[in-house]
Amino acid sequence: MRVVDQKALKKQLAKYLRLAAGGETVLVTIRNRVVAELVPPGSPRSGVPAVGKLEDAVREGLISPPLFPPGEPPPRRAIVPFQDLMDELQHDREDR
């Protein structure tokens, strides 16, 4: 991984693009603060901007990844037994 200041990046952009294309990650800084990353093509980053922002938030620790893998929803659990729910509904209807 390389770190380069914005001014040096401007002067030698082609050099750093070649490094990124060759598989190296280049961190871009302004006043010693990382503001961007040049990553190799095909790195695990989504092309959808919203998904990329979620990935960034997970990496920064702002949110945590999902507990369940994508696909099937988690199994459902009944909160109230069905018969109790029907009895309560019937009781509510009798009040009318």
PDB file of N, CA and C in Angstrom:
ATOM      1  N   MET A   1       0.850  -1.165   0.000  1.00  0.00           N
ATOM      2  CA  MET A   1       0.000   0.000   0.000  1.00  0.00           C
ATOM      3  C   MET A   1       0.896   1.228   0.000  1.00  0.00           C
ATOM      4  N   ARG A   2       0.556   2.157  -0.863  1.00  0.00           N
ATOM      5  CA  ARG A   2       1.304   3.409  -0.943  1.00  0.00           C
ATOM      6  C   ARG A   2       0.450   4.556  -0.458  1.00  0.00           C
ATOM      7  N   VAL A   3       1.099   5.573   0.053  1.00  0.00           N
ATOM      8  CA  VAL A   3       0.430   6.799   0.481  1.00  0.00           C
ATOM      9  C   VAL A   3       1.040   7.937  -0.318  1.00  0.00           C
ATOM     10  N   VAL A   4       0.161   8.772  -0.897  1.00  0.00           N
ATOM     11  CA  VAL A   4       0.642   9.874  -1.718  1.00  0.00           C
ATOM     12  C   VAL A   4      -0.183  11.123  -1.419  1.00  0.00           C
ATOM     13  N   ASP A   5       0.492  12.255  -1.374  1.00  0.00           N
ATOM     14  CA  ASP A   5      -0.181  13.526  -1.169  1.00  0.00           C
ATOM     15  C   ASP A   5      -0.869  13.949  -2.464  1.00  0.00           C
ATOM     16  N   GLN A   6      -1.917  14.730  -2.325  1.00  0.00           N
ATOM     17  CA  GLN A   6      -2.688  15.175  -3.478  1.00  0.00           C
ATOM     18  C   GLN A   6      -1.822  15.880  -4.514  1.00  0.00           C
ATOM     19  N   LYS A   7      -0.908  16.711  -4.082  1.00  0.00           N
ATOM     20  CA  LYS A   7      -0.065  17.454  -5.033  1.00  0.00           C
ATOM     21  C   LYS A   7       0.840  16.514  -5.817  1.00  0.00           C
ATOM     22  N   ALA A   8       1.432  15.537  -5.126  1.00  0.00           N
ATOM     23  CA  ALA A   8       2.286  14.566  -5.818  1.00  0.00           C
ATOM     24  C   ALA A   8       1.456  13.714  -6.769  1.00  0.00           C
ATOM     25  N   LEU A   9       0.229  13.395  -6.365  1.00  0.00           N
ATOM     26  CA  LEU A   9      -0.644  12.609  -7.232  1.00  0.00           C
ATOM     27  C   LEU A   9      -0.943  13.367  -8.523  1.00  0.00           C
ATOM     28  N   LYS A  10      -1.196  14.667  -8.406  1.00  0.00           N
ATOM     29  CA  LYS A  10      -1.463  15.475  -9.601  1.00  0.00           C
ATOM     30  C   LYS A  10      -0.285  15.433 -10.562  1.00  0.00           C
ATOM     31  N   LYS A  11       0.922  15.539 -10.006  1.00  0.00           N
ATOM     32  CA  LYS A  11       2.120  15.580 -10.857  1.00  0.00           C
ATOM     33  C   LYS A  11       2.406  14.235 -11.508  1.00  0.00           C
ATOM     34  N   GLN A  12       2.109  13.141 -10.797  1.00  0.00           N
ATOM     35  CA  GLN A  12       2.464  11.812 -11.297  1.00  0.00           C
ATOM     36  C   GLN A  12       1.256  10.881 -11.345  1.00  0.00           C
ATOM     37  N   LEU A  13       0.157  11.371 -11.847  1.00  0.00           N
ATOM     38  CA  LEU A  13      -1.070  10.593 -11.867  1.00  0.00           C
ATOM     39  C   LEU A  13      -0.901   9.276 -12.614  1.00  0.00           C
ATOM     40  N   ALA A  14      -0.271   9.304 -13.769  1.00  0.00           N
ATOM     41  CA  ALA A  14      -0.114   8.083 -14.570  1.00  0.00           C
ATOM     42  C   ALA A  14       0.635   7.005 -13.792  1.00  0.00           C
ATOM     43  N   LYS A  15       1.656   7.394 -13.043  1.00  0.00           N
ATOM     44  CA  LYS A  15       2.438   6.442 -12.249  1.00  0.00           C
ATOM     45  C   LYS A  15       1.549   5.735 -11.223  1.00  0.00           C
ATOM     46  N   TYR A  16       0.729   6.508 -10.502  1.00  0.00           N
ATOM     47  CA  TYR A  16      -0.097   5.921  -9.454  1.00  0.00           C
ATOM     48  C   TYR A  16      -1.262   5.120 -10.024  1.00  0.00           C
ATOM     49  N   LEU A  17      -1.755   5.518 -11.186  1.00  0.00           N
ATOM     50  CA  LEU A  17      -2.784   4.718 -11.844  1.00  0.00           C
ATOM     51  C   LEU A  17      -2.228   3.374 -12.285  1.00  0.00           C
ATOM     52  N   ARG A  18      -0.990   3.356 -12.770  1.00  0.00           N
ATOM     53  CA  ARG A  18      -0.348   2.087 -13.141  1.00  0.00           C
ATOM     54  C   ARG A  18      -0.172   1.190 -11.919  1.00  0.00           C
ATOM     55  N   LEU A  19       0.218   1.797 -10.780  1.00  0.00           N
ATOM     56  CA  LEU A  19       0.365   1.002  -9.557  1.00  0.00           C
ATOM     57  C   LEU A  19      -0.966   0.378  -9.151  1.00  0.00           C
ATOM     58  N   ALA A  20      -2.041   1.157  -9.210  1.00  0.00           N
ATOM     59  CA  ALA A  20      -3.359   0.633  -8.854  1.00  0.00           C
ATOM     60  C   ALA A  20      -3.788  -0.455  -9.831  1.00  0.00           C
ATOM     61  N   ALA A  21      -3.534  -0.235 -11.114  1.00  0.00           N
ATOM     62  CA  ALA A  21      -3.889  -1.242 -12.111  1.00  0.00           C
ATOM     63  C   ALA A  21      -3.091  -2.522 -11.912  1.00  0.00           C
ATOM     64  N   GLY A  22      -1.904  -2.397 -11.349  1.00  0.00           N
ATOM     65  CA  GLY A  22      -1.059  -3.556 -11.099  1.00  0.00           C
ATOM     66  C   GLY A  22      -1.391  -4.289  -9.806  1.00  0.00           C
ATOM     67  N   GLY A  23      -2.395  -3.816  -9.077  1.00  0.00           N
ATOM     68  CA  GLY A  23      -2.817  -4.546  -7.890  1.00  0.00           C
ATOM     69  C   GLY A  23      -2.502  -3.863  -6.570  1.00  0.00           C
ATOM     70  N   GLU A  24      -1.903  -2.697  -6.605  1.00  0.00           N
ATOM     71  CA  GLU A  24      -1.540  -2.013  -5.370  1.00  0.00           C
ATOM     72  C   GLU A  24      -2.597  -0.971  -5.003  1.00  0.00           C
ATOM     73  N   THR A  25      -2.863  -0.824  -3.719  1.00  0.00           N
ATOM     74  CA  THR A  25      -3.786   0.202  -3.244  1.00  0.00           C
ATOM     75  C   THR A  25      -2.995   1.462  -2.935  1.00  0.00           C
ATOM     76  N   VAL A  26      -3.501   2.593  -3.401  1.00  0.00           N
ATOM     77  CA  VAL A  26      -2.841   3.878  -3.187  1.00  0.00           C
ATOM     78  C   VAL A  26      -3.781   4.773  -2.383  1.00  0.00           C
ATOM     79  N   LEU A  27      -3.316   5.215  -1.211  1.00  0.00           N
ATOM     80  CA  LEU A  27      -4.098   6.125  -0.385  1.00  0.00           C
ATOM     81  C   LEU A  27      -3.715   7.552  -0.730  1.00  0.00           C
ATOM     82  N   VAL A  28      -4.715   8.401  -0.959  1.00  0.00           N
ATOM     83  CA  VAL A  28      -4.482   9.802  -1.308  1.00  0.00           C
ATOM     84  C   VAL A  28      -4.754  10.642  -0.061  1.00  0.00           C
ATOM     85  N   THR A  29      -3.801  11.531   0.260  1.00  0.00           N
ATOM     86  CA  THR A  29      -3.950  12.355   1.454  1.00  0.00           C
ATOM     87  C   THR A  29      -3.957  13.837   1.108  1.00  0.00           C
ATOM     88  N   ILE A  30      -4.607  14.598   1.973  1.00  0.00           N
ATOM     89  CA  ILE A  30      -4.527  16.058   1.952  1.00  0.00           C
ATOM     90  C   ILE A  30      -4.231  16.453   3.391  1.00  0.00           C
ATOM     91  N   ARG A  31      -3.113  17.115   3.585  1.00  0.00           N
ATOM     92  CA  ARG A  31      -2.666  17.512   4.928  1.00  0.00           C
ATOM     93  C   ARG A  31      -2.626  16.319   5.884  1.00  0.00           C
ATOM     94  N   ASN A  32      -2.037  15.224   5.417  1.00  0.00           N
ATOM     95  CA  ASN A  32      -1.850  13.990   6.190  1.00  0.00           C
ATOM     96  C   ASN A  32      -3.145  13.316   6.622  1.00  0.00           C
ATOM     97  N   ARG A  33      -4.231  13.603   5.943  1.00  0.00           N
ATOM     98  CA  ARG A  33      -5.504  12.949   6.218  1.00  0.00           C
ATOM     99  C   ARG A  33      -5.941  12.209   4.963  1.00  0.00           C
ATOM    100  N   VAL A  34      -6.223  10.910   5.089  1.00  0.00           N
ATOM    101  CA  VAL A  34      -6.627  10.112   3.929  1.00  0.00           C
ATOM    102  C   VAL A  34      -8.003  10.567   3.469  1.00  0.00           C
ATOM    103  N   VAL A  35      -8.081  10.914   2.180  1.00  0.00           N
ATOM    104  CA  VAL A  35      -9.342  11.388   1.610  1.00  0.00           C
ATOM    105  C   VAL A  35      -9.858  10.489   0.487  1.00  0.00           C
ATOM    106  N   ALA A  36      -9.004   9.604  -0.037  1.00  0.00           N
ATOM    107  CA  ALA A  36      -9.432   8.734  -1.136  1.00  0.00           C
ATOM    108  C   ALA A  36      -8.517   7.527  -1.227  1.00  0.00           C
ATOM    109  N   GLU A  37      -9.002   6.521  -1.930  1.00  0.00           N
ATOM    110  CA  GLU A  37      -8.219   5.314  -2.209  1.00  0.00           C
ATOM    111  C   GLU A  37      -8.288   5.021  -3.696  1.00  0.00           C
ATOM    112  N   LEU A  38      -7.161   4.696  -4.270  1.00  0.00           N
ATOM    113  CA  LEU A  38      -7.126   4.141  -5.627  1.00  0.00           C
ATOM    114  C   LEU A  38      -6.927   2.643  -5.428  1.00  0.00           C
ATOM    115  N   VAL A  39      -7.905   1.865  -5.849  1.00  0.00           N
ATOM    116  CA  VAL A  39      -7.837   0.418  -5.636  1.00  0.00           C
ATOM    117  C   VAL A  39      -7.754  -0.290  -6.970  1.00  0.00           C
ATOM    118  N   PRO A  40      -7.227  -1.495  -6.976  1.00  0.00           N
ATOM    119  CA  PRO A  40      -7.125  -2.254  -8.216  1.00  0.00           C
ATOM    120  C   PRO A  40      -8.500  -2.575  -8.788  1.00  0.00           C
ATOM    121  N   PRO A  41      -8.589  -2.676 -10.113  1.00  0.00           N
ATOM    122  CA  PRO A  41      -9.863  -3.076 -10.708  1.00  0.00           C
ATOM    123  C   PRO A  41     -10.239  -4.466 -10.220  1.00  0.00           C
ATOM    124  N   GLY A  42     -11.512  -4.685 -10.032  1.00  0.00           N
ATOM    125  CA  GLY A  42     -11.979  -5.994  -9.597  1.00  0.00           C
ATOM    126  C   GLY A  42     -11.877  -6.205  -8.106  1.00  0.00           C
ATOM    127  N   SER A  43     -11.477  -5.175  -7.350  1.00  0.00           N
ATOM    128  CA  SER A  43     -11.435  -5.336  -5.904  1.00  0.00           C
ATOM    129  C   SER A  43     -12.871  -5.427  -5.400  1.00  0.00           C
ATOM    130  N   PRO A  44     -13.080  -6.043  -4.247  1.00  0.00           N
ATOM    131  CA  PRO A  44     -14.448  -6.290  -3.784  1.00  0.00           C
ATOM    132  C   PRO A  44     -15.184  -5.010  -3.410  1.00  0.00           C
ATOM    133  N   ARG A  45     -15.633  -4.311  -4.407  1.00  0.00           N
ATOM    134  CA  ARG A  45     -16.357  -3.055  -4.207  1.00  0.00           C
ATOM    135  C   ARG A  45     -17.491  -3.035  -5.215  1.00  0.00           C
ATOM    136  N   SER A  46     -18.645  -2.685  -4.796  1.00  0.00           N
ATOM    137  CA  SER A  46     -19.810  -2.703  -5.675  1.00  0.00           C
ATOM    138  C   SER A  46     -19.795  -1.506  -6.616  1.00  0.00           C
ATOM    139  N   GLY A  47     -20.347  -1.685  -7.805  1.00  0.00           N
ATOM    140  CA  GLY A  47     -20.482  -0.587  -8.743  1.00  0.00           C
ATOM    141  C   GLY A  47     -21.688   0.287  -8.438  1.00  0.00           C
ATOM    142  N   VAL A  48     -22.552  -0.157  -7.546  1.00  0.00           N
ATOM    143  CA  VAL A  48     -23.733   0.622  -7.172  1.00  0.00           C
ATOM    144  C   VAL A  48     -23.321   1.598  -6.072  1.00  0.00           C
ATOM    145  N   PRO A  49     -23.493   2.913  -6.285  1.00  0.00           N
ATOM    146  CA  PRO A  49     -23.024   3.882  -5.293  1.00  0.00           C
ATOM    147  C   PRO A  49     -23.577   3.667  -3.887  1.00  0.00           C
ATOM    148  N   ALA A  50     -24.856   3.341  -3.773  1.00  0.00           N
ATOM    149  CA  ALA A  50     -25.442   3.155  -2.437  1.00  0.00           C
ATOM    150  C   ALA A  50     -24.793   1.979  -1.715  1.00  0.00           C
ATOM    151  N   VAL A  51     -24.517   0.906  -2.437  1.00  0.00           N
ATOM    152  CA  VAL A  51     -23.880  -0.257  -1.821  1.00  0.00           C
ATOM    153  C   VAL A  51     -22.453   0.093  -1.415  1.00  0.00           C
ATOM    154  N   GLY A  52     -21.770   0.874  -2.245  1.00  0.00           N
ATOM    155  CA  GLY A  52     -20.417   1.305  -1.902  1.00  0.00           C
ATOM    156  C   GLY A  52     -20.399   2.131  -0.622  1.00  0.00           C
ATOM    157  N   LYS A  53     -21.397   2.981  -0.448  1.00  0.00           N
ATOM    158  CA  LYS A  53     -21.474   3.788   0.779  1.00  0.00           C
ATOM    159  C   LYS A  53     -21.729   2.903   1.995  1.00  0.00           C
ATOM    160  N   LEU A  54     -22.547   1.882   1.832  1.00  0.00           N
ATOM    161  CA  LEU A  54     -22.777   0.945   2.942  1.00  0.00           C
ATOM    162  C   LEU A  54     -21.493   0.196   3.285  1.00  0.00           C
ATOM    163  N   GLU A  55     -20.759  -0.231   2.264  1.00  0.00           N
ATOM    164  CA  GLU A  55     -19.493  -0.919   2.509  1.00  0.00           C
ATOM    165  C   GLU A  55     -18.514  -0.007   3.246  1.00  0.00           C
ATOM    166  N   ASP A  56     -18.474   1.262   2.868  1.00  0.00           N
ATOM    167  CA  ASP A  56     -17.605   2.222   3.558  1.00  0.00           C
ATOM    168  C   ASP A  56     -18.017   2.377   5.017  1.00  0.00           C
ATOM    169  N   ALA A  57     -19.323   2.457   5.264  1.00  0.00           N
ATOM    170  CA  ALA A  57     -19.807   2.625   6.639  1.00  0.00           C
ATOM    171  C   ALA A  57     -19.469   1.407   7.494  1.00  0.00           C
ATOM    172  N   VAL A  58     -19.529   0.218   6.918  1.00  0.00           N
ATOM    173  CA  VAL A  58     -19.144  -0.994   7.661  1.00  0.00           C
ATOM    174  C   VAL A  58     -17.662  -0.955   7.959  1.00  0.00           C
ATOM    175  N   ARG A  59     -16.857  -0.594   6.957  1.00  0.00           N
ATOM    176  CA  ARG A  59     -15.410  -0.555   7.139  1.00  0.00           C
ATOM    177  C   ARG A  59     -14.997   0.471   8.191  1.00  0.00           C
ATOM    178  N   GLU A  60     -15.723   1.594   8.262  1.00  0.00           N
ATOM    179  CA  GLU A  60     -15.410   2.632   9.241  1.00  0.00           C
ATOM    180  C   GLU A  60     -15.987   2.337  10.616  1.00  0.00           C
ATOM    181  N   GLY A  61     -16.777   1.264  10.726  1.00  0.00           N
ATOM    182  CA  GLY A  61     -17.344   0.884  12.012  1.00  0.00           C
ATOM    183  C   GLY A  61     -18.599   1.655  12.384  1.00  0.00           C
ATOM    184  N   LEU A  62     -19.193   2.380  11.443  1.00  0.00           N
ATOM    185  CA  LEU A  62     -20.414   3.136  11.730  1.00  0.00           C
ATOM    186  C   LEU A  62     -21.631   2.230  11.826  1.00  0.00           C
ATOM    187  N   ILE A  63     -21.634   1.147  11.043  1.00  0.00           N
ATOM    188  CA  ILE A  63     -22.704   0.155  11.087  1.00  0.00           C
ATOM    189  C   ILE A  63     -22.079  -1.223  11.078  1.00  0.00           C
ATOM    190  N   SER A  64     -22.846  -2.231  11.421  1.00  0.00           N
ATOM    191  CA  SER A  64     -22.320  -3.596  11.394  1.00  0.00           C
ATOM    192  C   SER A  64     -22.978  -4.360  10.248  1.00  0.00           C
ATOM    193  N   PRO A  65     -22.290  -5.354   9.723  1.00  0.00           N
ATOM    194  CA  PRO A  65     -22.868  -6.112   8.614  1.00  0.00           C
ATOM    195  C   PRO A  65     -24.079  -6.916   9.089  1.00  0.00           C
ATOM    196  N   PRO A  66     -24.916  -7.370   8.157  1.00  0.00           N
ATOM    197  CA  PRO A  66     -26.112  -8.119   8.549  1.00  0.00           C
ATOM    198  C   PRO A  66     -25.761  -9.429   9.246  1.00  0.00           C
ATOM    199  N   LEU A  67     -26.635  -9.849  10.147  1.00  0.00           N
ATOM    200  CA  LEU A  67     -26.411 -11.102  10.869  1.00  0.00           C
ATOM    201  C   LEU A  67     -26.733 -12.318  10.020  1.00  0.00           C
ATOM    202  N   PHE A  68     -27.704 -12.165   9.118  1.00  0.00           N
ATOM    203  CA  PHE A  68     -28.111 -13.277   8.271  1.00  0.00           C
ATOM    204  C   PHE A  68     -27.600 -13.049   6.857  1.00  0.00           C
ATOM    205  N   PRO A  69     -27.167 -14.104   6.181  1.00  0.00           N
ATOM    206  CA  PRO A  69     -26.701 -13.935   4.805  1.00  0.00           C
ATOM    207  C   PRO A  69     -27.856 -13.529   3.892  1.00  0.00           C
ATOM    208  N   PRO A  70     -27.543 -12.872   2.773  1.00  0.00           N
ATOM    209  CA  PRO A  70     -28.620 -12.485   1.861  1.00  0.00           C
ATOM    210  C   PRO A  70     -29.346 -13.715   1.332  1.00  0.00           C
ATOM    211  N   GLY A  71     -30.586 -13.546   1.025  1.00  0.00           N
ATOM    212  CA  GLY A  71     -31.377 -14.664   0.517  1.00  0.00           C
ATOM    213  C   GLY A  71     -32.653 -14.808   1.307  1.00  0.00           C
ATOM    214  N   GLU A  72     -32.827 -15.956   1.908  1.00  0.00           N
ATOM    215  CA  GLU A  72     -34.037 -16.246   2.664  1.00  0.00           C
ATOM    216  C   GLU A  72     -34.123 -15.372   3.907  1.00  0.00           C
ATOM    217  N   PRO A  73     -35.321 -14.889   4.236  1.00  0.00           N
ATOM    218  CA  PRO A  73     -35.465 -14.126   5.474  1.00  0.00           C
ATOM    219  C   PRO A  73     -35.322 -15.052   6.679  1.00  0.00           C
ATOM    220  N   PRO A  74     -35.032 -14.501   7.844  1.00  0.00           N
ATOM    221  CA  PRO A  74     -34.913 -15.349   9.023  1.00  0.00           C
ATOM    222  C   PRO A  74     -36.248 -16.009   9.350  1.00  0.00           C
ATOM    223  N   PRO A  75     -36.226 -17.134  10.047  1.00  0.00           N
ATOM    224  CA  PRO A  75     -37.479 -17.819  10.357  1.00  0.00           C
ATOM    225  C   PRO A  75     -38.393 -16.952  11.226  1.00  0.00           C
ATOM    226  N   ARG A  76     -39.686 -17.059  10.978  1.00  0.00           N
ATOM    227  CA  ARG A  76     -40.655 -16.276  11.735  1.00  0.00           C
ATOM    228  C   ARG A  76     -41.050 -17.015  13.004  1.00  0.00           C
ATOM    229  N   ARG A  77     -41.303 -16.250  14.043  1.00  0.00           N
ATOM    230  CA  ARG A  77     -41.784 -16.816  15.300  1.00  0.00           C
ATOM    231  C   ARG A  77     -43.072 -16.101  15.673  1.00  0.00           C
ATOM    232  N   ALA A  78     -44.057 -16.863  16.099  1.00  0.00           N
ATOM    233  CA  ALA A  78     -45.324 -16.260  16.508  1.00  0.00           C
ATOM    234  C   ALA A  78     -45.135 -15.514  17.821  1.00  0.00           C
ATOM    235  N   ILE A  79     -45.699 -14.315  17.898  1.00  0.00           N
ATOM    236  CA  ILE A  79     -45.613 -13.525  19.116  1.00  0.00           C
ATOM    237  C   ILE A  79     -46.722 -13.936  20.077  1.00  0.00           C
ATOM    238  N   VAL A  80     -47.905 -14.193  19.512  1.00  0.00           N
ATOM    239  CA  VAL A  80     -49.070 -14.600  20.296  1.00  0.00           C
ATOM    240  C   VAL A  80     -49.628 -15.865  19.657  1.00  0.00           C
ATOM    241  N   PRO A  81     -50.022 -16.836  20.452  1.00  0.00           N
ATOM    242  CA  PRO A  81     -50.660 -18.019  19.844  1.00  0.00           C
ATOM    243  C   PRO A  81     -51.889 -17.606  19.032  1.00  0.00           C
ATOM    244  N   PHE A  82     -52.108 -18.292  17.927  1.00  0.00           N
ATOM    245  CA  PHE A  82     -53.165 -17.927  16.987  1.00  0.00           C
ATOM    246  C   PHE A  82     -54.537 -17.896  17.659  1.00  0.00           C
ATOM    247  N   GLN A  83     -54.835 -18.889  18.469  1.00  0.00           N
ATOM    248  CA  GLN A  83     -56.155 -18.945  19.101  1.00  0.00           C
ATOM    249  C   GLN A  83     -56.380 -17.760  20.040  1.00  0.00           C
ATOM    250  N   ASP A  84     -55.349 -17.355  20.780  1.00  0.00           N
ATOM    251  CA  ASP A  84     -55.474 -16.180  21.652  1.00  0.00           C
ATOM    252  C   ASP A  84     -55.757 -14.925  20.826  1.00  0.00           C
ATOM    253  N   LEU A  85     -55.110 -14.802  19.700  1.00  0.00           N
ATOM    254  CA  LEU A  85     -55.335 -13.659  18.823  1.00  0.00           C
ATOM    255  C   LEU A  85     -56.770 -13.638  18.312  1.00  0.00           C
ATOM    256  N   MET A  86     -57.290 -14.791  17.892  1.00  0.00           N
ATOM    257  CA  MET A  86     -58.651 -14.872  17.385  1.00  0.00           C
ATOM    258  C   MET A  86     -59.673 -14.587  18.489  1.00  0.00           C
ATOM    259  N   ASP A  87     -59.403 -15.070  19.701  1.00  0.00           N
ATOM    260  CA  ASP A  87     -60.307 -14.792  20.820  1.00  0.00           C
ATOM    261  C   ASP A  87     -60.351 -13.293  21.117  1.00  0.00           C
ATOM    262  N   GLU A  88     -59.220 -12.647  21.112  1.00  0.00           N
ATOM    263  CA  GLU A  88     -59.163 -11.211  21.373  1.00  0.00           C
ATOM    264  C   GLU A  88     -59.867 -10.426  20.273  1.00  0.00           C
ATOM    265  N   LEU A  89     -59.695 -10.843  19.032  1.00  0.00           N
ATOM    266  CA  LEU A  89     -60.372 -10.195  17.912  1.00  0.00           C
ATOM    267  C   LEU A  89     -61.887 -10.340  18.049  1.00  0.00           C
ATOM    268  N   GLN A  90     -62.332 -11.538  18.407  1.00  0.00           N
ATOM    269  CA  GLN A  90     -63.760 -11.757  18.590  1.00  0.00           C
ATOM    270  C   GLN A  90     -64.313 -10.887  19.723  1.00  0.00           C
ATOM    271  N   HIS A  91     -63.534 -10.766  20.804  1.00  0.00           N
ATOM    272  CA  HIS A  91     -63.951  -9.932  21.926  1.00  0.00           C
ATOM    273  C   HIS A  91     -64.076  -8.464  21.491  1.00  0.00           C
ATOM    274  N   ASP A  92     -63.124  -7.994  20.689  1.00  0.00           N
ATOM    275  CA  ASP A  92     -63.186  -6.614  20.183  1.00  0.00           C
ATOM    276  C   ASP A  92     -64.410  -6.394  19.298  1.00  0.00           C
ATOM    277  N   ARG A  93     -64.766  -7.387  18.509  1.00  0.00           N
ATOM    278  CA  ARG A  93     -65.906  -7.255  17.593  1.00  0.00           C
ATOM    279  C   ARG A  93     -67.229  -7.259  18.366  1.00  0.00           C
ATOM    280  N   GLU A  94     -67.256  -7.950  19.495  1.00  0.00           N
ATOM    281  CA  GLU A  94     -68.485  -7.993  20.288  1.00  0.00           C
ATOM    282  C   GLU A  94     -68.789  -6.646  20.926  1.00  0.00           C
ATOM    283  N   ASP A  95     -67.799  -5.814  21.117  1.00  0.00           N
ATOM    284  CA  ASP A  95     -68.000  -4.512  21.741  1.00  0.00           C
ATOM    285  C   ASP A  95     -68.708  -3.527  20.829  1.00  0.00           C
ATOM    286  N   ARG A  96     -68.840  -3.799  19.586  1.00  0.00           N
ATOM    287  CA  ARG A  96     -69.430  -2.838  18.639  1.00  0.00           C
ATOM    288  C   ARG A  96     -70.912  -2.811  18.714  1.00  0.00           C
TER     289      ARG A  96
END
